[in-house]
Each structure stands twice: as structure tokens, then as C-alpha cells.
């Protein structure tokens, strides 16, 4: 397993593992690669929405609002 941290876009930093983005931290949201199998469960949580880019949905990626995970219990999910 290899990992790297790099600046992504202008105001975000992300973590890559085996050439796949796992987490991207921005000013207001955190983009998480959670896998296609876990996306339905994650979308039931407050503050989670699908990642869309150019009107296309990315499979297995979701935005999580920073406000919705301020409590450690919610972040540990």
C-alpha cells in the first residue's frame, strides 16, 4: 500500500492510497471515498450527499458537511 498527500484544487488537501483518492478536505465539506456498497447507508446520515461533477454522479464518493461530523461519535462512523 502506498499513500501520498497533495494539494487538490485550490483550497483543499487530499489523501490518496494506491492511486485512489480516499479523503479530500475542503473549507466546508469533506469528500470521502466510501465504496459503492456503503453509499446507501451513508446517504441516510444528516449532512451527507452524493458527489456530482458536471451533472454526473461519482460511484462510491460522497460529500460530508464539516458541521455534521463535529462530534467525535458522528466522525467515528
PDB file of N, CA and C in Angstrom:
ATOM      1  N   UNK A   1       0.852  -1.170   0.000  1.00  0.00           N
ATOM      2  CA  UNK A   1       0.000   0.000   0.000  1.00  0.00           C
ATOM      3  C   UNK A   1       0.897   1.232   0.000  1.00  0.00           C
ATOM      4  N   UNK A   2       0.590   2.165  -0.857  1.00  0.00           N
ATOM      5  CA  UNK A   2       1.293   3.434  -0.883  1.00  0.00           C
ATOM      6  C   UNK A   2       0.290   4.556  -0.650  1.00  0.00           C
ATOM      7  N   UNK A   3       0.763   5.646  -0.098  1.00  0.00           N
ATOM      8  CA  UNK A   3      -0.125   6.790   0.125  1.00  0.00           C
ATOM      9  C   UNK A   3       0.651   8.066  -0.146  1.00  0.00           C
ATOM     10  N   UNK A   4      -0.092   9.114  -0.407  1.00  0.00           N
ATOM     11  CA  UNK A   4       0.511  10.434  -0.571  1.00  0.00           C
ATOM     12  C   UNK A   4      -0.526  11.501  -0.258  1.00  0.00           C
ATOM     13  N   UNK A   5      -0.016  12.640   0.160  1.00  0.00           N
ATOM     14  CA  UNK A   5      -0.873  13.789   0.444  1.00  0.00           C
ATOM     15  C   UNK A   5      -0.506  14.848  -0.576  1.00  0.00           C
ATOM     16  N   UNK A   6      -1.506  15.461  -1.169  1.00  0.00           N
ATOM     17  CA  UNK A   6      -1.205  16.519  -2.126  1.00  0.00           C
ATOM     18  C   UNK A   6      -2.293  17.574  -2.095  1.00  0.00           C
ATOM     19  N   UNK A   7      -1.948  18.742  -2.576  1.00  0.00           N
ATOM     20  CA  UNK A   7      -2.920  19.820  -2.658  1.00  0.00           C
ATOM     21  C   UNK A   7      -3.788  19.564  -3.888  1.00  0.00           C
ATOM     22  N   UNK A   8      -5.092  19.651  -3.696  1.00  0.00           N
ATOM     23  CA  UNK A   8      -6.047  19.335  -4.749  1.00  0.00           C
ATOM     24  C   UNK A   8      -6.927  20.550  -4.944  1.00  0.00           C
ATOM     25  N   UNK A   9      -7.215  20.921  -6.149  1.00  0.00           N
ATOM     26  CA  UNK A   9      -7.935  22.147  -6.440  1.00  0.00           C
ATOM     27  C   UNK A   9      -7.168  23.320  -5.843  1.00  0.00           C
ATOM     28  N   UNK A  10      -7.848  24.332  -5.340  1.00  0.00           N
ATOM     29  CA  UNK A  10      -7.154  25.490  -4.787  1.00  0.00           C
ATOM     30  C   UNK A  10      -7.160  25.522  -3.271  1.00  0.00           C
ATOM     31  N   UNK A  11      -8.237  25.100  -2.671  1.00  0.00           N
ATOM     32  CA  UNK A  11      -8.388  25.240  -1.227  1.00  0.00           C
ATOM     33  C   UNK A  11      -8.611  23.908  -0.534  1.00  0.00           C
ATOM     34  N   UNK A  12      -8.061  22.825  -1.054  1.00  0.00           N
ATOM     35  CA  UNK A  12      -8.313  21.525  -0.457  1.00  0.00           C
ATOM     36  C   UNK A  12      -7.045  20.669  -0.463  1.00  0.00           C
ATOM     37  N   UNK A  13      -6.994  19.747   0.483  1.00  0.00           N
ATOM     38  CA  UNK A  13      -5.909  18.773   0.561  1.00  0.00           C
ATOM     39  C   UNK A  13      -6.523  17.388   0.586  1.00  0.00           C
ATOM     40  N   UNK A  14      -5.826  16.443  -0.022  1.00  0.00           N
ATOM     41  CA  UNK A  14      -6.406  15.105  -0.077  1.00  0.00           C
ATOM     42  C   UNK A  14      -5.378  14.036   0.216  1.00  0.00           C
ATOM     43  N   UNK A  15      -5.886  12.848   0.541  1.00  0.00           N
ATOM     44  CA  UNK A  15      -5.083  11.684   0.852  1.00  0.00           C
ATOM     45  C   UNK A  15      -5.401  10.602  -0.173  1.00  0.00           C
ATOM     46  N   UNK A  16      -4.359  10.076  -0.800  1.00  0.00           N
ATOM     47  CA  UNK A  16      -4.501   9.035  -1.826  1.00  0.00           C
ATOM     48  C   UNK A  16      -3.862   7.743  -1.314  1.00  0.00           C
ATOM     49  N   UNK A  17      -4.519   6.619  -1.563  1.00  0.00           N
ATOM     50  CA  UNK A  17      -3.971   5.306  -1.242  1.00  0.00           C
ATOM     51  C   UNK A  17      -4.074   4.450  -2.491  1.00  0.00           C
ATOM     52  N   UNK A  18      -2.956   3.870  -2.890  1.00  0.00           N
ATOM     53  CA  UNK A  18      -2.905   3.038  -4.093  1.00  0.00           C
ATOM     54  C   UNK A  18      -3.523   3.728  -5.307  1.00  0.00           C
ATOM     55  N   UNK A  19      -3.175   4.998  -5.482  1.00  0.00           N
ATOM     56  CA  UNK A  19      -3.606   5.813  -6.625  1.00  0.00           C
ATOM     57  C   UNK A  19      -5.100   6.098  -6.655  1.00  0.00           C
ATOM     58  N   UNK A  20      -5.779   5.947  -5.513  1.00  0.00           N
ATOM     59  CA  UNK A  20      -7.203   6.286  -5.409  1.00  0.00           C
ATOM     60  C   UNK A  20      -7.371   7.285  -4.278  1.00  0.00           C
ATOM     61  N   UNK A  21      -8.174   8.323  -4.547  1.00  0.00           N
ATOM     62  CA  UNK A  21      -8.416   9.322  -3.522  1.00  0.00           C
ATOM     63  C   UNK A  21      -9.334   8.752  -2.451  1.00  0.00           C
ATOM     64  N   UNK A  22      -8.925   8.895  -1.195  1.00  0.00           N
ATOM     65  CA  UNK A  22      -9.729   8.406  -0.069  1.00  0.00           C
ATOM     66  C   UNK A  22     -10.482   9.535   0.611  1.00  0.00           C
ATOM     67  N   UNK A  23      -9.797  10.639   0.870  1.00  0.00           N
ATOM     68  CA  UNK A  23     -10.389  11.770   1.577  1.00  0.00           C
ATOM     69  C   UNK A  23      -9.847  13.056   0.975  1.00  0.00           C
ATOM     70  N   UNK A  24     -10.725  14.030   0.825  1.00  0.00           N
ATOM     71  CA  UNK A  24     -10.330  15.355   0.364  1.00  0.00           C
ATOM     72  C   UNK A  24     -10.970  16.368   1.306  1.00  0.00           C
ATOM     73  N   UNK A  25     -10.145  17.171   1.956  1.00  0.00           N
ATOM     74  CA  UNK A  25     -10.634  18.151   2.925  1.00  0.00           C
ATOM     75  C   UNK A  25     -10.671  19.532   2.310  1.00  0.00           C
ATOM     76  N   UNK A  26     -11.848  20.129   2.348  1.00  0.00           N
ATOM     77  CA  UNK A  26     -12.035  21.477   1.847  1.00  0.00           C
ATOM     78  C   UNK A  26     -12.466  22.394   2.973  1.00  0.00           C
ATOM     79  N   UNK A  27     -12.873  23.601   2.618  1.00  0.00           N
ATOM     80  CA  UNK A  27     -13.285  24.571   3.629  1.00  0.00           C
ATOM     81  C   UNK A  27     -14.617  24.220   4.282  1.00  0.00           C
ATOM     82  N   UNK A  28     -15.544  23.658   3.533  1.00  0.00           N
ATOM     83  CA  UNK A  28     -16.885  23.411   4.050  1.00  0.00           C
ATOM     84  C   UNK A  28     -17.296  21.944   4.049  1.00  0.00           C
ATOM     85  N   UNK A  29     -16.651  21.142   3.217  1.00  0.00           N
ATOM     86  CA  UNK A  29     -17.032  19.743   3.081  1.00  0.00           C
ATOM     87  C   UNK A  29     -15.806  18.846   3.084  1.00  0.00           C
ATOM     88  N   UNK A  30     -16.063  17.578   3.359  1.00  0.00           N
ATOM     89  CA  UNK A  30     -15.043  16.555   3.251  1.00  0.00           C
ATOM     90  C   UNK A  30     -15.556  15.546   2.223  1.00  0.00           C
ATOM     91  N   UNK A  31     -14.772  15.277   1.207  1.00  0.00           N
ATOM     92  CA  UNK A  31     -15.136  14.301   0.189  1.00  0.00           C
ATOM     93  C   UNK A  31     -14.528  12.972   0.594  1.00  0.00           C
ATOM     94  N   UNK A  32     -15.363  11.942   0.699  1.00  0.00           N
ATOM     95  CA  UNK A  32     -14.908  10.637   1.175  1.00  0.00           C
ATOM     96  C   UNK A  32     -15.171   9.564   0.134  1.00  0.00           C
ATOM     97  N   UNK A  33     -14.179   8.735  -0.080  1.00  0.00           N
ATOM     98  CA  UNK A  33     -14.373   7.547  -0.899  1.00  0.00           C
ATOM     99  C   UNK A  33     -14.814   6.428   0.022  1.00  0.00           C
ATOM    100  N   UNK A  34     -16.100   6.076  -0.026  1.00  0.00           N
ATOM    101  CA  UNK A  34     -16.632   5.099   0.928  1.00  0.00           C
ATOM    102  C   UNK A  34     -17.016   3.782   0.270  1.00  0.00           C
ATOM    103  N   UNK A  35     -16.959   3.729  -1.035  1.00  0.00           N
ATOM    104  CA  UNK A  35     -17.295   2.498  -1.734  1.00  0.00           C
ATOM    105  C   UNK A  35     -18.751   2.449  -2.132  1.00  0.00           C
ATOM    106  N   UNK A  36     -19.010   1.829  -3.258  1.00  0.00           N
ATOM    107  CA  UNK A  36     -20.373   1.762  -3.792  1.00  0.00           C
ATOM    108  C   UNK A  36     -21.319   0.989  -2.880  1.00  0.00           C
ATOM    109  N   UNK A  37     -20.811   0.013  -2.153  1.00  0.00           N
ATOM    110  CA  UNK A  37     -21.658  -0.797  -1.277  1.00  0.00           C
ATOM    111  C   UNK A  37     -22.148  -0.070  -0.037  1.00  0.00           C
ATOM    112  N   UNK A  38     -21.437   0.948   0.405  1.00  0.00           N
ATOM    113  CA  UNK A  38     -21.795   1.657   1.635  1.00  0.00           C
ATOM    114  C   UNK A  38     -22.512   2.973   1.377  1.00  0.00           C
ATOM    115  N   UNK A  39     -22.691   3.330   0.133  1.00  0.00           N
ATOM    116  CA  UNK A  39     -23.230   4.657  -0.183  1.00  0.00           C
ATOM    117  C   UNK A  39     -24.669   4.840   0.289  1.00  0.00           C
ATOM    118  N   UNK A  40     -25.516   3.811   0.165  1.00  0.00           N
ATOM    119  CA  UNK A  40     -26.923   3.944   0.593  1.00  0.00           C
ATOM    120  C   UNK A  40     -27.016   4.235   2.088  1.00  0.00           C
ATOM    121  N   UNK A  41     -26.253   3.520   2.884  1.00  0.00           N
ATOM    122  CA  UNK A  41     -26.274   3.731   4.331  1.00  0.00           C
ATOM    123  C   UNK A  41     -25.755   5.117   4.684  1.00  0.00           C
ATOM    124  N   UNK A  42     -24.691   5.537   4.031  1.00  0.00           N
ATOM    125  CA  UNK A  42     -24.110   6.852   4.314  1.00  0.00           C
ATOM    126  C   UNK A  42     -25.072   7.978   3.971  1.00  0.00           C
ATOM    127  N   UNK A  43     -25.822   7.835   2.898  1.00  0.00           N
ATOM    128  CA  UNK A  43     -26.749   8.897   2.483  1.00  0.00           C
ATOM    129  C   UNK A  43     -27.903   9.085   3.451  1.00  0.00           C
ATOM    130  N   UNK A  44     -28.138   8.115   4.323  1.00  0.00           N
ATOM    131  CA  UNK A  44     -29.193   8.242   5.332  1.00  0.00           C
ATOM    132  C   UNK A  44     -28.766   9.173   6.471  1.00  0.00           C
ATOM    133  N   UNK A  45     -27.475   9.442   6.578  1.00  0.00           N
ATOM    134  CA  UNK A  45     -26.967  10.309   7.645  1.00  0.00           C
ATOM    135  C   UNK A  45     -27.137  11.777   7.276  1.00  0.00           C
ATOM    136  N   UNK A  46     -27.351  12.593   8.291  1.00  0.00           N
ATOM    137  CA  UNK A  46     -27.500  14.034   8.094  1.00  0.00           C
ATOM    138  C   UNK A  46     -26.183  14.620   7.584  1.00  0.00           C
ATOM    139  N   UNK A  47     -26.257  15.472   6.574  1.00  0.00           N
ATOM    140  CA  UNK A  47     -25.090  16.168   6.071  1.00  0.00           C
ATOM    141  C   UNK A  47     -24.295  15.421   5.015  1.00  0.00           C
ATOM    142  N   UNK A  48     -24.798  14.292   4.535  1.00  0.00           N
ATOM    143  CA  UNK A  48     -24.101  13.504   3.519  1.00  0.00           C
ATOM    144  C   UNK A  48     -24.860  13.610   2.203  1.00  0.00           C
ATOM    145  N   UNK A  49     -24.116  13.872   1.124  1.00  0.00           N
ATOM    146  CA  UNK A  49     -24.749  13.941  -0.193  1.00  0.00           C
ATOM    147  C   UNK A  49     -23.803  13.343  -1.238  1.00  0.00           C
ATOM    148  N   UNK A  50     -24.367  12.887  -2.328  1.00  0.00           N
ATOM    149  CA  UNK A  50     -23.576  12.288  -3.399  1.00  0.00           C
ATOM    150  C   UNK A  50     -22.638  13.303  -4.033  1.00  0.00           C
ATOM    151  N   UNK A  51     -21.502  12.834  -4.482  1.00  0.00           N
ATOM    152  CA  UNK A  51     -20.592  13.685  -5.232  1.00  0.00           C
ATOM    153  C   UNK A  51     -21.069  13.740  -6.673  1.00  0.00           C
ATOM    154  N   UNK A  52     -21.249  14.937  -7.167  1.00  0.00           N
ATOM    155  CA  UNK A  52     -21.599  15.115  -8.574  1.00  0.00           C
ATOM    156  C   UNK A  52     -20.583  16.049  -9.206  1.00  0.00           C
ATOM    157  N   UNK A  53     -20.249  15.773 -10.452  1.00  0.00           N
ATOM    158  CA  UNK A  53     -19.301  16.580 -11.196  1.00  0.00           C
ATOM    159  C   UNK A  53     -19.786  16.637 -12.632  1.00  0.00           C
ATOM    160  N   UNK A  54     -20.038  17.838 -13.118  1.00  0.00           N
ATOM    161  CA  UNK A  54     -20.585  18.018 -14.472  1.00  0.00           C
ATOM    162  C   UNK A  54     -21.867  17.205 -14.682  1.00  0.00           C
ATOM    163  N   UNK A  55     -22.755  17.281 -13.706  1.00  0.00           N
ATOM    164  CA  UNK A  55     -24.057  16.596 -13.744  1.00  0.00           C
ATOM    165  C   UNK A  55     -23.950  15.077 -13.756  1.00  0.00           C
ATOM    166  N   UNK A  56     -22.804  14.528 -13.380  1.00  0.00           N
ATOM    167  CA  UNK A  56     -22.641  13.077 -13.276  1.00  0.00           C
ATOM    168  C   UNK A  56     -22.362  12.717 -11.827  1.00  0.00           C
ATOM    169  N   UNK A  57     -22.918  11.620 -11.377  1.00  0.00           N
ATOM    170  CA  UNK A  57     -22.699  11.139 -10.023  1.00  0.00           C
ATOM    171  C   UNK A  57     -21.491  10.213 -10.005  1.00  0.00           C
ATOM    172  N   UNK A  58     -20.611  10.410  -9.054  1.00  0.00           N
ATOM    173  CA  UNK A  58     -19.448   9.538  -8.909  1.00  0.00           C
ATOM    174  C   UNK A  58     -19.795   8.389  -7.979  1.00  0.00           C
ATOM    175  N   UNK A  59     -19.604   7.175  -8.434  1.00  0.00           N
ATOM    176  CA  UNK A  59     -19.938   5.992  -7.636  1.00  0.00           C
ATOM    177  C   UNK A  59     -18.954   5.840  -6.482  1.00  0.00           C
ATOM    178  N   UNK A  60     -19.491   5.672  -5.284  1.00  0.00           N
ATOM    179  CA  UNK A  60     -18.664   5.404  -4.125  1.00  0.00           C
ATOM    180  C   UNK A  60     -18.068   6.612  -3.440  1.00  0.00           C
ATOM    181  N   UNK A  61     -18.396   7.820  -3.894  1.00  0.00           N
ATOM    182  CA  UNK A  61     -17.880   9.039  -3.273  1.00  0.00           C
ATOM    183  C   UNK A  61     -19.036   9.899  -2.782  1.00  0.00           C
ATOM    184  N   UNK A  62     -18.853  10.490  -1.601  1.00  0.00           N
ATOM    185  CA  UNK A  62     -19.890  11.345  -1.034  1.00  0.00           C
ATOM    186  C   UNK A  62     -19.253  12.523  -0.317  1.00  0.00           C
ATOM    187  N   UNK A  63     -19.959  13.650  -0.337  1.00  0.00           N
ATOM    188  CA  UNK A  63     -19.560  14.829   0.429  1.00  0.00           C
ATOM    189  C   UNK A  63     -20.177  14.724   1.815  1.00  0.00           C
ATOM    190  N   UNK A  64     -19.403  15.059   2.821  1.00  0.00           N
ATOM    191  CA  UNK A  64     -19.885  15.108   4.198  1.00  0.00           C
ATOM    192  C   UNK A  64     -19.633  16.518   4.698  1.00  0.00           C
ATOM    193  N   UNK A  65     -20.683  17.164   5.194  1.00  0.00           N
ATOM    194  CA  UNK A  65     -20.506  18.535   5.691  1.00  0.00           C
ATOM    195  C   UNK A  65     -19.699  18.502   6.987  1.00  0.00           C
ATOM    196  N   UNK A  66     -18.812  19.458   7.137  1.00  0.00           N
ATOM    197  CA  UNK A  66     -17.966  19.530   8.322  1.00  0.00           C
ATOM    198  C   UNK A  66     -18.822  19.679   9.581  1.00  0.00           C
ATOM    199  N   UNK A  67     -19.890  20.455   9.495  1.00  0.00           N
ATOM    200  CA  UNK A  67     -20.769  20.656  10.650  1.00  0.00           C
ATOM    201  C   UNK A  67     -21.392  19.350  11.137  1.00  0.00           C
ATOM    202  N   UNK A  68     -21.666  18.432  10.230  1.00  0.00           N
ATOM    203  CA  UNK A  68     -22.348  17.201  10.630  1.00  0.00           C
ATOM    204  C   UNK A  68     -21.438  16.206  11.329  1.00  0.00           C
ATOM    205  N   UNK A  69     -20.131  16.421  11.322  1.00  0.00           N
ATOM    206  CA  UNK A  69     -19.221  15.471  11.970  1.00  0.00           C
ATOM    207  C   UNK A  69     -18.375  16.118  13.063  1.00  0.00           C
ATOM    208  N   UNK A  70     -18.814  17.235  13.563  1.00  0.00           N
ATOM    209  CA  UNK A  70     -18.044  17.900  14.632  1.00  0.00           C
ATOM    210  C   UNK A  70     -17.969  17.042  15.889  1.00  0.00           C
ATOM    211  N   UNK A  71     -19.004  16.291  16.186  1.00  0.00           N
ATOM    212  CA  UNK A  71     -18.991  15.417  17.359  1.00  0.00           C
ATOM    213  C   UNK A  71     -18.182  14.157  17.032  1.00  0.00           C
ATOM    214  N   UNK A  72     -17.318  13.724  17.944  1.00  0.00           N
ATOM    215  CA  UNK A  72     -16.464  12.571  17.705  1.00  0.00           C
ATOM    216  C   UNK A  72     -17.279  11.314  17.388  1.00  0.00           C
ATOM    217  N   UNK A  73     -18.410  11.135  18.053  1.00  0.00           N
ATOM    218  CA  UNK A  73     -19.238   9.949  17.820  1.00  0.00           C
ATOM    219  C   UNK A  73     -19.686   9.880  16.364  1.00  0.00           C
ATOM    220  N   UNK A  74     -20.079  10.994  15.785  1.00  0.00           N
ATOM    221  CA  UNK A  74     -20.506  11.017  14.402  1.00  0.00           C
ATOM    222  C   UNK A  74     -19.312  10.821  13.458  1.00  0.00           C
ATOM    223  N   UNK A  75     -18.178  11.379  13.805  1.00  0.00           N
ATOM    224  CA  UNK A  75     -16.994  11.238  12.948  1.00  0.00           C
ATOM    225  C   UNK A  75     -16.509   9.793  12.913  1.00  0.00           C
ATOM    226  N   UNK A  76     -16.601   9.098  14.017  1.00  0.00           N
ATOM    227  CA  UNK A  76     -16.126   7.710  14.092  1.00  0.00           C
ATOM    228  C   UNK A  76     -16.931   6.755  13.226  1.00  0.00           C
ATOM    229  N   UNK A  77     -18.129   7.166  12.797  1.00  0.00           N
ATOM    230  CA  UNK A  77     -18.921   6.298  11.937  1.00  0.00           C
ATOM    231  C   UNK A  77     -18.090   5.895  10.741  1.00  0.00           C
TER     232      UNK A  77
END
